[in-house]
């Protein structure tokens, strides 16, 4: 609803009562308040109106899944309408600790949204208010350890067989670590729209959001107190956007001013008794970290589209962004061994940096005929710099620079076979400069002269991604729909500076960029039978999804080596889903059975390389085969 969510944790939400989802690929900054370097995902909720509307959906499934969501909306008068949507979803964990009798990777969320719309269609002023709240109270997300764990000084303390055994969704965690992740997230927004004429509109978007999370994480995924942490975050943001929109016969313009102020504080605790080990008498070890980040962002943008001819349209825009960040951090260590009890060990405050950027965009599209359109687009993307939030040692707090990208895209969109088939073909080339990468290593502590983990964010150099994307949708006969999407991606580091890779002249560009499978594909089909009369219809649908081999972490070779860490890669795999859904003839009632990961494929979704902390390497897995049954009533 035109409000930017500045924290990834805050976007991990359930979608309900949604009107549509828009996906825009490539840098975006000349149409929206906040800029994005790689693309934008815009979620538009269903607004209340003069038509009465309601729905209720109930779901039950494997792993104790229970879900209920519903909503009701309608007019209070011919001037006002309200809507209320509610959701509760829970599921048992599919990862277990048989020793502690715990479950992990579960779900327990409750959410709601209230909306108020003021203004009649025949009046020029409209106001939309929205308030939402979501609450999570779930268990930890736990993965699988890849290799033998050690103390800080390299002594083995837990041997993991090599090769790593096939994952069976069982694990061990630290007995004293609370099995808890919690989230509270709420916000308010008000959108005032004023139609000054048939062609000119002013728009104001005002929003406030607040996010609080308390997460316990067992990074090493074992019974050791090695990589156990608590991360508590309290974040709020306020934003204001003003838009001027002109729509003429041949010219359309969107111009805007944007402001956002974000404050985020966090308290972190690292429990690592086993990291120090017997060499120093098995001391207790606790490191606490408190930090405070303030971000203030200003921007102005304009985007114009002009119809040169009936078939040829030129669009161009530019965005100016100015961001200032102020960062403070303190790190304290508590230990029963005085050697590790420097308090405070490391602190700094009031670091301030400012970055600004001008990002242009230009595109040209040509309608060859009613069925075929070709286009080309160039855009520059910008992501501001920042401070290393993982700084534990002097010097690591140095700011890193902004990341930029030059993005080129061209394609064709067409329909044929009397409209029964639609297709799109896109080629793209993205050149990232000063890309920001989190890397890990070990340094010598200046106080103790002992090894200390180093986790830093650096501007690593240049990254180029290029490829092709193909989409096809076909309706060869009544009731049958076929679709496919195929993507080819070639991602390579042109330059990746890292002084630790002395064997390669300080350049690790031979590594594989993470989460960049060369091939992705999806093939889908569904057929709908008309059961006749009031019996309704029955739809059978299925899909197959493919990903080729990909890396799961930035650090995916051994330090100063070209040898890949095999466990930090996911081999090629397929996932199969299916559904069978009945719907009545009026569209008021439906019931369906849904199956996901039908082949029960075992596949990794993420990896963490923290070998500088007790040789920790951990991977995480997608859900096994699941089934659910859903019934819906709507009017």
Foldseek 3Di string as FASTA:
>chain_A
DQDDDPDPVQPPDDDDQWPDKDWFAAWDDFFGQDTDGGTDIDTHHDAADADWKKKWKWKAWPQGKTKIKMKIKHAPDLFKIKMKIKIWIWGWALAAAVVLGHGAPIWTKIKMKIKMKGGHPVAFKIKIKMKMKMKTKGFHAAFAFQAFFFALVRHTDGGADPRHDDDPRYFAAAPVFDGIKIKIKMKMKMKMWGPPDPFKIKIKIKMKMKMWMWDWYRQQRHRALFFTKIKIKIKMKIKMKIWMWGDDPFKIKIKMKMKMKMKMKMKMKRWHLPNNHPVQPSKTKIKIKIKIKIKIKIKIKMKMKGPPDPFKIKIKMKMKMKMKMWMWMWMAMPIPRVLGGDGGQDIDGGDMDMDMDMKMKIKMKGDPDPFKIKMKMKIKGKDAKAFWPVDDAPPQRDIEGIKMKIKIKIKMWGADPVRQKIKIKMKMKMKMFLDKAWDKDWDQHPRNRRIDIDIHIGSFGIKMKIWMKMKMWGDPDPFKIKIKIKIAMDIFGPFGAACQLVVVVRTPRLDFDFPTFRMKMKIKMKGKDQPDDFQFIKMKMKMKIKTAKGFFGPPQAPGNDPHGPVVRMKHIDMKMKIKMKGATPVRFKMKMKIKTRVVQDWTWDHWDQRCSRRHTITTHTDDGIMMMMMMMGMD
